[in-house]
Amino acid sequence: MKKLLFFFTLILIYVGSVDAQTKVGVMLNTEVANDYLGVRPGAGLVIDHKVTRKGGIESGLFYRTYRNSISVYVENPGIGRSIFFIEIGESHMTIPILYKFHTRIVNLSFGPTFDFFLGWKQKSGSPDIEVNEYSIDPNFGYGAMLKMSKSIQLSDFVSFEPDLRFNPVFTNGRVFGGVGLAFKYQTKKN
């Protein structure tokens, strides 16, 4: 994971130094998923590289969570089998690689996403039951993202870009959707 972050940082530095149409920034988002947790916050780094007047590439590194419920069976001598339900909070790193179509009215972005399982934490369950091991298979997932956004210039170098997003992850059947708020800095003035 450290190698991936280092590689992504090098790409940000290189792309930011080459073209006047490159914006880098931070994004705060809220998403819902097909679990029972409801709305959850997320955050990440974003890069928006405009290659032509209307088209470009948008990518980033984003932290996201997912709540999973698992069943734990315990064999009690003389009583029989008991079942307990435990909630597990999963952490994931998502990397979208999107083609972005720029217009004056709205921007459309679409493309693949890659999800990496980072870790987990037990969130609830019986106080007597502690989960020692947990993993997901596969721990790497891929999906697709569709976004609609609007860029609003705040100054010569800073812009604000709210978006609506839809992101199914095909490998595990999870579906995310939500809104994002990006603050981007243009690396060079046009």
N, C-alpha and C. Protein backbone atom coordinates (compact mmCIF):
# COMPACT_ATOMS: atom_id res chain seq x y z
N MET A 1 0.82 -1.19 0.00
CA MET A 1 0.00 0.00 0.00
C MET A 1 0.87 1.25 0.00
N LYS A 2 2.00 1.20 0.72
CA LYS A 2 2.90 2.35 0.75
C LYS A 2 3.48 2.61 -0.63
N LYS A 3 3.78 1.54 -1.37
CA LYS A 3 4.31 1.70 -2.73
C LYS A 3 3.27 2.36 -3.64
N LEU A 4 2.00 1.96 -3.46
CA LEU A 4 0.92 2.54 -4.26
C LEU A 4 0.76 4.03 -3.96
N LEU A 5 0.80 4.40 -2.68
CA LEU A 5 0.69 5.82 -2.32
C LEU A 5 1.88 6.61 -2.86
N PHE A 6 3.08 6.04 -2.79
CA PHE A 6 4.28 6.70 -3.31
C PHE A 6 4.16 6.89 -4.81
N PHE A 7 3.73 5.85 -5.53
CA PHE A 7 3.56 5.92 -6.98
C PHE A 7 2.52 6.98 -7.35
N PHE A 8 1.40 7.02 -6.64
CA PHE A 8 0.36 8.00 -6.92
C PHE A 8 0.86 9.42 -6.66
N THR A 9 1.65 9.61 -5.61
CA THR A 9 2.23 10.92 -5.31
C THR A 9 3.17 11.37 -6.42
N LEU A 10 3.98 10.45 -6.94
CA LEU A 10 4.87 10.78 -8.06
C LEU A 10 4.08 11.19 -9.30
N ILE A 11 2.99 10.49 -9.57
CA ILE A 11 2.14 10.86 -10.72
C ILE A 11 1.56 12.25 -10.51
N LEU A 12 1.07 12.56 -9.31
CA LEU A 12 0.53 13.88 -9.03
C LEU A 12 1.58 14.97 -9.26
N ILE A 13 2.79 14.75 -8.80
CA ILE A 13 3.86 15.74 -8.97
C ILE A 13 4.20 15.90 -10.44
N TYR A 14 4.33 14.79 -11.18
CA TYR A 14 4.69 14.85 -12.59
C TYR A 14 3.61 15.55 -13.41
N VAL A 15 2.37 15.08 -13.27
CA VAL A 15 1.27 15.65 -14.06
C VAL A 15 1.05 17.11 -13.69
N GLY A 16 1.19 17.44 -12.42
CA GLY A 16 1.01 18.82 -11.98
C GLY A 16 2.06 19.75 -12.53
N SER A 17 3.23 19.25 -12.85
CA SER A 17 4.30 20.11 -13.37
C SER A 17 4.29 20.21 -14.89
N VAL A 18 3.55 19.36 -15.57
CA VAL A 18 3.62 19.31 -17.03
C VAL A 18 2.58 20.20 -17.71
N ASP A 19 1.38 20.27 -17.22
CA ASP A 19 0.28 20.88 -17.96
C ASP A 19 -0.45 21.93 -17.13
N ALA A 20 -0.84 23.03 -17.79
CA ALA A 20 -1.56 24.11 -17.12
C ALA A 20 -3.01 23.72 -16.81
N GLN A 21 -3.49 22.64 -17.36
CA GLN A 21 -4.87 22.23 -17.16
C GLN A 21 -5.02 21.16 -16.08
N THR A 22 -4.10 21.08 -15.18
CA THR A 22 -4.15 20.08 -14.13
C THR A 22 -4.57 20.72 -12.81
N LYS A 23 -5.54 20.08 -12.16
CA LYS A 23 -5.99 20.52 -10.84
C LYS A 23 -5.83 19.38 -9.86
N VAL A 24 -5.34 19.70 -8.68
CA VAL A 24 -5.22 18.72 -7.60
C VAL A 24 -5.99 19.26 -6.40
N GLY A 25 -6.47 18.36 -5.57
CA GLY A 25 -7.23 18.84 -4.42
C GLY A 25 -7.67 17.75 -3.48
N VAL A 26 -8.58 18.13 -2.60
CA VAL A 26 -9.16 17.23 -1.63
C VAL A 26 -10.66 17.13 -1.86
N MET A 27 -11.20 15.99 -1.50
CA MET A 27 -12.64 15.79 -1.65
C MET A 27 -13.20 15.21 -0.37
N LEU A 28 -14.31 15.77 0.05
CA LEU A 28 -15.09 15.22 1.16
C LEU A 28 -16.38 14.68 0.55
N ASN A 29 -16.79 13.50 0.96
CA ASN A 29 -18.01 12.96 0.39
C ASN A 29 -18.83 12.22 1.44
N THR A 30 -20.08 12.04 1.13
CA THR A 30 -20.96 11.19 1.92
C THR A 30 -21.57 10.19 0.96
N GLU A 31 -21.63 8.93 1.41
CA GLU A 31 -22.16 7.87 0.56
C GLU A 31 -23.14 7.01 1.35
N VAL A 32 -24.01 6.36 0.62
CA VAL A 32 -24.83 5.29 1.15
C VAL A 32 -24.45 4.04 0.38
N ALA A 33 -24.67 2.88 0.98
CA ALA A 33 -24.36 1.62 0.32
C ALA A 33 -25.48 0.64 0.57
N ASN A 34 -25.39 -0.53 -0.02
CA ASN A 34 -26.42 -1.54 0.16
C ASN A 34 -26.18 -2.36 1.44
N ASP A 35 -25.66 -1.69 2.48
CA ASP A 35 -25.63 -2.27 3.82
C ASP A 35 -26.62 -1.49 4.66
N TYR A 36 -26.70 -1.74 5.94
CA TYR A 36 -27.70 -1.09 6.78
C TYR A 36 -27.15 0.09 7.56
N LEU A 37 -25.93 0.51 7.30
CA LEU A 37 -25.31 1.58 8.08
C LEU A 37 -25.92 2.94 7.79
N GLY A 38 -26.34 3.17 6.56
CA GLY A 38 -26.87 4.48 6.19
C GLY A 38 -25.78 5.36 5.64
N VAL A 39 -25.86 6.66 5.90
CA VAL A 39 -24.91 7.62 5.35
C VAL A 39 -23.59 7.52 6.11
N ARG A 40 -22.50 7.51 5.36
CA ARG A 40 -21.17 7.45 5.95
C ARG A 40 -20.27 8.47 5.29
N PRO A 41 -19.37 9.11 6.06
CA PRO A 41 -18.45 10.08 5.47
C PRO A 41 -17.26 9.40 4.81
N GLY A 42 -16.65 10.11 3.88
CA GLY A 42 -15.44 9.64 3.22
C GLY A 42 -14.60 10.85 2.84
N ALA A 43 -13.36 10.60 2.47
CA ALA A 43 -12.45 11.68 2.09
C ALA A 43 -11.40 11.13 1.15
N GLY A 44 -10.73 12.05 0.43
CA GLY A 44 -9.68 11.60 -0.46
C GLY A 44 -8.96 12.73 -1.15
N LEU A 45 -8.01 12.33 -1.97
CA LEU A 45 -7.24 13.24 -2.81
C LEU A 45 -7.72 13.06 -4.24
N VAL A 46 -7.78 14.15 -4.99
CA VAL A 46 -8.29 14.08 -6.36
C VAL A 46 -7.32 14.79 -7.30
N ILE A 47 -7.23 14.28 -8.53
CA ILE A 47 -6.47 14.93 -9.59
C ILE A 47 -7.36 14.98 -10.83
N ASP A 48 -7.40 16.13 -11.47
CA ASP A 48 -8.24 16.37 -12.64
C ASP A 48 -7.33 16.93 -13.73
N HIS A 49 -7.03 16.12 -14.73
CA HIS A 49 -6.08 16.49 -15.79
C HIS A 49 -6.85 16.66 -17.10
N LYS A 50 -6.99 17.89 -17.56
CA LYS A 50 -7.72 18.20 -18.78
C LYS A 50 -6.77 18.05 -19.97
N VAL A 51 -7.03 17.07 -20.84
CA VAL A 51 -6.15 16.77 -21.97
C VAL A 51 -6.54 17.59 -23.20
N THR A 52 -7.84 17.70 -23.48
CA THR A 52 -8.34 18.50 -24.60
C THR A 52 -9.29 19.56 -24.04
N ARG A 53 -9.87 20.34 -24.91
CA ARG A 53 -10.79 21.39 -24.46
C ARG A 53 -12.00 20.80 -23.75
N LYS A 54 -12.46 19.63 -24.17
CA LYS A 54 -13.66 19.01 -23.59
C LYS A 54 -13.39 17.74 -22.79
N GLY A 55 -12.22 17.14 -22.92
CA GLY A 55 -12.00 15.85 -22.28
C GLY A 55 -10.76 15.78 -21.43
N GLY A 56 -10.78 14.88 -20.48
CA GLY A 56 -9.63 14.69 -19.61
C GLY A 56 -9.78 13.45 -18.75
N ILE A 57 -8.85 13.30 -17.83
CA ILE A 57 -8.80 12.16 -16.92
C ILE A 57 -8.97 12.69 -15.49
N GLU A 58 -9.77 11.99 -14.71
CA GLU A 58 -9.94 12.31 -13.29
C GLU A 58 -9.64 11.05 -12.49
N SER A 59 -8.85 11.19 -11.44
CA SER A 59 -8.51 10.06 -10.59
C SER A 59 -8.33 10.53 -9.16
N GLY A 60 -7.93 9.62 -8.30
CA GLY A 60 -7.70 9.99 -6.92
C GLY A 60 -7.52 8.77 -6.03
N LEU A 61 -7.38 9.03 -4.76
CA LEU A 61 -7.34 8.01 -3.71
C LEU A 61 -8.41 8.37 -2.70
N PHE A 62 -9.33 7.46 -2.42
CA PHE A 62 -10.45 7.75 -1.54
C PHE A 62 -10.63 6.67 -0.49
N TYR A 63 -10.88 7.10 0.74
CA TYR A 63 -11.15 6.20 1.85
C TYR A 63 -12.65 6.01 1.96
N ARG A 64 -13.07 4.75 2.11
CA ARG A 64 -14.51 4.45 2.26
C ARG A 64 -14.68 3.31 3.24
N THR A 65 -15.88 3.25 3.84
CA THR A 65 -16.18 2.20 4.82
C THR A 65 -17.39 1.40 4.36
N TYR A 66 -17.53 0.22 4.94
CA TYR A 66 -18.67 -0.65 4.68
C TYR A 66 -18.95 -1.43 5.96
N ARG A 67 -20.22 -1.63 6.30
CA ARG A 67 -20.60 -2.36 7.51
C ARG A 67 -21.14 -3.72 7.09
N ASN A 68 -20.57 -4.78 7.65
CA ASN A 68 -20.96 -6.14 7.33
C ASN A 68 -21.43 -6.83 8.60
N SER A 69 -22.43 -7.68 8.48
CA SER A 69 -22.93 -8.45 9.60
C SER A 69 -22.56 -9.92 9.37
N ILE A 70 -21.94 -10.54 10.37
CA ILE A 70 -21.56 -11.94 10.25
C ILE A 70 -22.22 -12.75 11.36
N SER A 71 -22.35 -14.05 11.13
CA SER A 71 -22.92 -14.98 12.11
C SER A 71 -21.79 -15.78 12.73
N VAL A 72 -21.81 -15.91 14.04
CA VAL A 72 -20.82 -16.71 14.76
C VAL A 72 -21.57 -17.78 15.52
N TYR A 73 -21.22 -19.05 15.28
CA TYR A 73 -21.84 -20.18 15.97
C TYR A 73 -20.93 -20.61 17.11
N VAL A 74 -21.51 -20.78 18.30
CA VAL A 74 -20.75 -21.21 19.47
C VAL A 74 -21.40 -22.49 20.00
N GLU A 75 -20.59 -23.52 20.18
CA GLU A 75 -21.07 -24.80 20.71
C GLU A 75 -20.90 -24.77 22.23
N ASN A 76 -22.02 -24.85 22.96
CA ASN A 76 -22.02 -24.86 24.43
C ASN A 76 -22.33 -26.28 24.91
N PRO A 77 -21.42 -26.89 25.66
CA PRO A 77 -21.68 -28.25 26.16
C PRO A 77 -22.94 -28.29 27.03
N GLY A 78 -23.80 -29.21 26.74
CA GLY A 78 -25.03 -29.38 27.52
C GLY A 78 -26.16 -28.47 27.09
N ILE A 79 -25.87 -27.36 26.40
CA ILE A 79 -26.91 -26.42 25.98
C ILE A 79 -27.18 -26.55 24.49
N GLY A 80 -26.14 -26.75 23.72
CA GLY A 80 -26.28 -26.84 22.27
C GLY A 80 -25.60 -25.68 21.59
N ARG A 81 -25.97 -25.47 20.36
CA ARG A 81 -25.35 -24.44 19.53
C ARG A 81 -26.09 -23.11 19.70
N SER A 82 -25.32 -22.03 19.88
CA SER A 82 -25.88 -20.67 19.96
C SER A 82 -25.35 -19.87 18.77
N ILE A 83 -26.15 -18.95 18.30
CA ILE A 83 -25.74 -18.10 17.18
C ILE A 83 -25.70 -16.64 17.66
N PHE A 84 -24.65 -15.95 17.27
CA PHE A 84 -24.48 -14.53 17.60
C PHE A 84 -24.24 -13.76 16.30
N PHE A 85 -24.79 -12.56 16.25
CA PHE A 85 -24.58 -11.70 15.09
C PHE A 85 -23.62 -10.58 15.48
N ILE A 86 -22.58 -10.43 14.69
CA ILE A 86 -21.51 -9.47 14.95
C ILE A 86 -21.45 -8.49 13.79
N GLU A 87 -21.29 -7.21 14.09
CA GLU A 87 -21.11 -6.20 13.05
C GLU A 87 -19.63 -5.89 12.89
N ILE A 88 -19.17 -5.90 11.66
CA ILE A 88 -17.78 -5.63 11.32
C ILE A 88 -17.73 -4.38 10.46
N GLY A 89 -16.89 -3.43 10.83
CA GLY A 89 -16.65 -2.24 10.02
C GLY A 89 -15.43 -2.45 9.16
N GLU A 90 -15.61 -2.42 7.85
CA GLU A 90 -14.51 -2.61 6.91
C GLU A 90 -13.99 -1.26 6.42
N SER A 91 -12.69 -1.18 6.15
CA SER A 91 -12.08 0.01 5.57
C SER A 91 -11.53 -0.35 4.20
N HIS A 92 -11.75 0.54 3.23
CA HIS A 92 -11.31 0.31 1.85
C HIS A 92 -10.67 1.57 1.28
N MET A 93 -9.75 1.37 0.34
CA MET A 93 -9.16 2.45 -0.45
C MET A 93 -9.67 2.25 -1.87
N THR A 94 -10.27 3.29 -2.43
CA THR A 94 -10.83 3.24 -3.77
C THR A 94 -10.03 4.15 -4.70
N ILE A 95 -9.70 3.63 -5.88
CA ILE A 95 -8.99 4.42 -6.89
C ILE A 95 -9.84 4.41 -8.16
N PRO A 96 -10.50 5.52 -8.49
CA PRO A 96 -11.22 5.59 -9.76
C PRO A 96 -10.28 6.13 -10.85
N ILE A 97 -10.47 5.66 -12.06
CA ILE A 97 -9.76 6.20 -13.23
C ILE A 97 -10.86 6.52 -14.24
N LEU A 98 -11.24 7.79 -14.28
CA LEU A 98 -12.43 8.21 -15.02
C LEU A 98 -12.09 9.10 -16.21
N TYR A 99 -12.82 8.90 -17.30
CA TYR A 99 -12.79 9.87 -18.39
C TYR A 99 -13.76 10.97 -18.01
N LYS A 100 -13.34 12.23 -18.13
CA LYS A 100 -14.18 13.35 -17.74
C LYS A 100 -14.48 14.21 -18.95
N PHE A 101 -15.78 14.38 -19.23
CA PHE A 101 -16.23 15.22 -20.33
C PHE A 101 -16.68 16.56 -19.74
N HIS A 102 -15.97 17.65 -20.12
CA HIS A 102 -16.23 18.99 -19.58
C HIS A 102 -17.21 19.76 -20.47
N THR A 103 -18.24 20.35 -19.85
CA THR A 103 -19.12 21.29 -20.55
C THR A 103 -19.34 22.48 -19.62
N ARG A 104 -19.92 23.54 -20.15
CA ARG A 104 -20.20 24.70 -19.31
C ARG A 104 -21.32 24.43 -18.32
N ILE A 105 -22.23 23.55 -18.68
CA ILE A 105 -23.39 23.28 -17.83
C ILE A 105 -23.06 22.26 -16.75
N VAL A 106 -22.56 21.09 -17.15
CA VAL A 106 -22.27 20.01 -16.21
C VAL A 106 -21.14 19.15 -16.77
N ASN A 107 -20.35 18.56 -15.88
CA ASN A 107 -19.28 17.65 -16.28
C ASN A 107 -19.73 16.21 -16.01
N LEU A 108 -19.43 15.30 -16.95
CA LEU A 108 -19.76 13.89 -16.78
C LEU A 108 -18.47 13.09 -16.72
N SER A 109 -18.37 12.21 -15.74
CA SER A 109 -17.19 11.35 -15.57
C SER A 109 -17.65 9.91 -15.47
N PHE A 110 -16.92 9.01 -16.13
CA PHE A 110 -17.24 7.58 -16.03
C PHE A 110 -15.98 6.76 -16.28
N GLY A 111 -15.95 5.59 -15.66
CA GLY A 111 -14.82 4.70 -15.84
C GLY A 111 -14.72 3.67 -14.73
N PRO A 112 -13.65 2.88 -14.74
CA PRO A 112 -13.49 1.82 -13.74
C PRO A 112 -13.02 2.34 -12.39
N THR A 113 -13.30 1.56 -11.36
CA THR A 113 -12.80 1.83 -10.01
C THR A 113 -12.14 0.55 -9.48
N PHE A 114 -11.15 0.75 -8.63
CA PHE A 114 -10.44 -0.36 -8.03
C PHE A 114 -10.46 -0.18 -6.51
N ASP A 115 -10.96 -1.18 -5.80
CA ASP A 115 -11.10 -1.12 -4.34
C ASP A 115 -10.14 -2.09 -3.68
N PHE A 116 -9.44 -1.60 -2.65
CA PHE A 116 -8.49 -2.41 -1.89
C PHE A 116 -8.96 -2.48 -0.45
N PHE A 117 -9.07 -3.69 0.08
CA PHE A 117 -9.46 -3.91 1.47
C PHE A 117 -8.27 -3.55 2.36
N LEU A 118 -8.48 -2.61 3.30
CA LEU A 118 -7.40 -2.16 4.18
C LEU A 118 -7.41 -2.83 5.54
N GLY A 119 -8.59 -3.09 6.07
CA GLY A 119 -8.66 -3.68 7.40
C GLY A 119 -10.08 -3.69 7.93
N TRP A 120 -10.23 -4.08 9.19
CA TRP A 120 -11.55 -4.23 9.79
C TRP A 120 -11.48 -3.96 11.28
N LYS A 121 -12.67 -3.77 11.86
CA LYS A 121 -12.79 -3.59 13.30
C LYS A 121 -14.17 -4.09 13.72
N GLN A 122 -14.23 -4.82 14.83
CA GLN A 122 -15.51 -5.28 15.35
C GLN A 122 -16.26 -4.09 15.92
N LYS A 123 -17.50 -3.89 15.47
CA LYS A 123 -18.29 -2.73 15.89
C LYS A 123 -19.32 -3.06 16.96
N SER A 124 -19.88 -4.26 16.93
CA SER A 124 -20.88 -4.62 17.94
C SER A 124 -20.99 -6.13 18.02
N GLY A 125 -21.77 -6.59 18.96
CA GLY A 125 -21.99 -8.01 19.16
C GLY A 125 -22.06 -8.30 20.64
N SER A 126 -22.08 -9.55 20.99
CA SER A 126 -22.11 -9.95 22.40
C SER A 126 -20.79 -9.59 23.06
N PRO A 127 -20.82 -9.10 24.29
CA PRO A 127 -19.56 -8.75 24.97
C PRO A 127 -18.65 -9.96 25.20
N ASP A 128 -19.24 -11.16 25.20
CA ASP A 128 -18.45 -12.38 25.43
C ASP A 128 -17.81 -12.91 24.16
N ILE A 129 -18.20 -12.39 23.00
CA ILE A 129 -17.70 -12.90 21.73
C ILE A 129 -16.78 -11.84 21.11
N GLU A 130 -15.55 -12.24 20.84
CA GLU A 130 -14.59 -11.35 20.18
C GLU A 130 -14.10 -12.03 18.91
N VAL A 131 -14.19 -11.32 17.79
CA VAL A 131 -13.72 -11.84 16.52
C VAL A 131 -12.21 -11.58 16.42
N ASN A 132 -11.45 -12.66 16.21
CA ASN A 132 -9.99 -12.55 16.12
C ASN A 132 -9.49 -12.45 14.70
N GLU A 133 -10.23 -13.04 13.76
CA GLU A 133 -9.83 -13.02 12.35
C GLU A 133 -11.02 -12.66 11.49
N TYR A 134 -10.75 -11.87 10.48
CA TYR A 134 -11.79 -11.50 9.52
C TYR A 134 -11.09 -11.12 8.22
N SER A 135 -11.63 -11.57 7.11
CA SER A 135 -11.11 -11.18 5.80
C SER A 135 -12.25 -11.24 4.81
N ILE A 136 -12.05 -10.63 3.67
CA ILE A 136 -13.03 -10.72 2.60
C ILE A 136 -12.33 -11.35 1.40
N ASP A 137 -13.10 -12.03 0.59
CA ASP A 137 -12.56 -12.67 -0.59
C ASP A 137 -13.43 -12.32 -1.78
N PRO A 138 -12.92 -11.64 -2.74
CA PRO A 138 -11.54 -11.19 -2.89
C PRO A 138 -11.30 -9.89 -2.09
N ASN A 139 -10.05 -9.64 -1.71
CA ASN A 139 -9.73 -8.41 -0.98
C ASN A 139 -9.41 -7.26 -1.93
N PHE A 140 -9.51 -7.51 -3.22
CA PHE A 140 -9.39 -6.50 -4.26
C PHE A 140 -10.65 -6.57 -5.09
N GLY A 141 -11.26 -5.41 -5.35
CA GLY A 141 -12.48 -5.39 -6.14
C GLY A 141 -12.40 -4.37 -7.25
N TYR A 142 -13.23 -4.58 -8.26
CA TYR A 142 -13.32 -3.61 -9.34
C TYR A 142 -14.79 -3.32 -9.62
N GLY A 143 -15.01 -2.11 -10.10
CA GLY A 143 -16.37 -1.70 -10.40
C GLY A 143 -16.37 -0.61 -11.44
N ALA A 144 -17.40 0.20 -11.43
CA ALA A 144 -17.53 1.31 -12.37
C ALA A 144 -18.14 2.49 -11.63
N MET A 145 -17.78 3.68 -12.08
CA MET A 145 -18.33 4.88 -11.46
C MET A 145 -18.89 5.80 -12.55
N LEU A 146 -20.00 6.42 -12.23
CA LEU A 146 -20.60 7.45 -13.06
C LEU A 146 -20.81 8.66 -12.16
N LYS A 147 -20.29 9.81 -12.59
CA LYS A 147 -20.40 11.03 -11.80
C LYS A 147 -20.90 12.18 -12.66
N MET A 148 -21.64 13.07 -12.03
CA MET A 148 -22.08 14.31 -12.66
C MET A 148 -21.67 15.43 -11.71
N SER A 149 -20.94 16.44 -12.23
CA SER A 149 -20.42 17.49 -11.37
C SER A 149 -20.52 18.85 -12.05
N LYS A 150 -20.29 19.89 -11.28
CA LYS A 150 -20.29 21.26 -11.77
C LYS A 150 -19.12 22.00 -11.14
N SER A 151 -18.21 22.51 -11.96
CA SER A 151 -17.04 23.25 -11.45
C SER A 151 -17.40 24.73 -11.30
N ILE A 152 -17.08 25.27 -10.11
CA ILE A 152 -17.36 26.67 -9.80
C ILE A 152 -16.03 27.33 -9.42
N GLN A 153 -15.59 28.31 -10.21
CA GLN A 153 -14.33 29.01 -9.93
C GLN A 153 -14.49 29.93 -8.74
N LEU A 154 -13.62 29.78 -7.74
CA LEU A 154 -13.63 30.66 -6.58
C LEU A 154 -12.57 31.76 -6.70
N SER A 155 -11.49 31.47 -7.42
CA SER A 155 -10.43 32.44 -7.70
C SER A 155 -9.71 31.98 -8.95
N ASP A 156 -8.59 32.64 -9.30
CA ASP A 156 -7.84 32.24 -10.49
C ASP A 156 -7.32 30.81 -10.40
N PHE A 157 -7.01 30.34 -9.20
CA PHE A 157 -6.40 29.03 -9.04
C PHE A 157 -7.27 28.02 -8.29
N VAL A 158 -8.28 28.46 -7.59
CA VAL A 158 -9.07 27.57 -6.74
C VAL A 158 -10.49 27.41 -7.29
N SER A 159 -10.96 26.16 -7.31
CA SER A 159 -12.33 25.90 -7.73
C SER A 159 -12.99 24.95 -6.74
N PHE A 160 -14.30 24.97 -6.76
CA PHE A 160 -15.15 24.14 -5.91
C PHE A 160 -15.99 23.30 -6.86
N GLU A 161 -16.06 21.97 -6.63
CA GLU A 161 -16.79 21.12 -7.56
C GLU A 161 -17.65 20.09 -6.81
N PRO A 162 -18.94 20.37 -6.64
CA PRO A 162 -19.84 19.37 -6.06
C PRO A 162 -20.19 18.31 -7.11
N ASP A 163 -20.46 17.08 -6.66
CA ASP A 163 -20.82 16.02 -7.60
C ASP A 163 -21.85 15.06 -7.02
N LEU A 164 -22.51 14.34 -7.90
CA LEU A 164 -23.38 13.21 -7.58
C LEU A 164 -22.72 11.99 -8.19
N ARG A 165 -22.70 10.86 -7.45
CA ARG A 165 -21.98 9.69 -7.94
C ARG A 165 -22.76 8.40 -7.73
N PHE A 166 -22.47 7.43 -8.58
CA PHE A 166 -23.03 6.07 -8.49
C PHE A 166 -21.89 5.10 -8.77
N ASN A 167 -21.64 4.14 -7.86
CA ASN A 167 -20.48 3.27 -7.97
C ASN A 167 -20.78 1.83 -7.54
N PRO A 168 -21.22 0.98 -8.49
CA PRO A 168 -21.34 -0.44 -8.15
C PRO A 168 -19.95 -1.10 -8.18
N VAL A 169 -19.69 -1.99 -7.20
CA VAL A 169 -18.46 -2.78 -7.18
C VAL A 169 -18.86 -4.20 -7.56
N PHE A 170 -18.45 -4.63 -8.75
CA PHE A 170 -18.94 -5.88 -9.33
C PHE A 170 -18.46 -7.13 -8.60
N THR A 171 -17.25 -7.13 -8.07
CA THR A 171 -16.68 -8.35 -7.50
C THR A 171 -17.36 -8.78 -6.20
N ASN A 172 -17.98 -7.86 -5.48
CA ASN A 172 -18.63 -8.26 -4.22
C ASN A 172 -20.10 -7.84 -4.13
N GLY A 173 -20.65 -7.29 -5.21
CA GLY A 173 -22.07 -6.96 -5.24
C GLY A 173 -22.46 -5.75 -4.42
N ARG A 174 -21.52 -4.95 -4.03
CA ARG A 174 -21.82 -3.76 -3.24
C ARG A 174 -22.08 -2.58 -4.17
N VAL A 175 -22.98 -1.71 -3.73
CA VAL A 175 -23.34 -0.53 -4.53
C VAL A 175 -23.25 0.69 -3.64
N PHE A 176 -22.51 1.70 -4.10
CA PHE A 176 -22.34 2.96 -3.37
C PHE A 176 -22.93 4.08 -4.21
N GLY A 177 -23.47 5.08 -3.55
CA GLY A 177 -23.96 6.28 -4.22
C GLY A 177 -23.88 7.43 -3.24
N GLY A 178 -23.75 8.64 -3.75
CA GLY A 178 -23.67 9.77 -2.83
C GLY A 178 -23.30 11.07 -3.49
N VAL A 179 -22.83 11.98 -2.66
CA VAL A 179 -22.43 13.32 -3.12
C VAL A 179 -21.00 13.59 -2.63
N GLY A 180 -20.29 14.40 -3.41
CA GLY A 180 -18.94 14.79 -3.04
C GLY A 180 -18.75 16.29 -3.18
N LEU A 181 -17.84 16.83 -2.40
CA LEU A 181 -17.48 18.24 -2.47
C LEU A 181 -15.96 18.32 -2.61
N ALA A 182 -15.50 18.75 -3.79
CA ALA A 182 -14.06 18.82 -4.05
C ALA A 182 -13.60 20.27 -4.07
N PHE A 183 -12.46 20.52 -3.45
CA PHE A 183 -11.78 21.80 -3.53
C PHE A 183 -10.49 21.54 -4.29
N LYS A 184 -10.36 22.18 -5.46
CA LYS A 184 -9.23 21.89 -6.35
C LYS A 184 -8.38 23.15 -6.56
N TYR A 185 -7.08 22.89 -6.67
CA TYR A 185 -6.11 23.96 -6.93
C TYR A 185 -5.51 23.72 -8.31
N GLN A 186 -5.60 24.71 -9.19
CA GLN A 186 -5.01 24.60 -10.52
C GLN A 186 -3.51 24.86 -10.40
N THR A 187 -2.70 23.92 -10.92
CA THR A 187 -1.25 23.98 -10.71
C THR A 187 -0.57 25.13 -11.45
N LYS A 188 -1.12 25.57 -12.58
CA LYS A 188 -0.57 26.70 -13.34
C LYS A 188 -1.72 27.51 -13.91
N LYS A 189 -1.51 28.79 -14.07
CA LYS A 189 -2.53 29.65 -14.68
C LYS A 189 -2.48 29.48 -16.19
N ASN A 190 -3.65 29.42 -16.82
CA ASN A 190 -3.73 29.28 -18.29
C ASN A 190 -3.08 30.45 -19.00
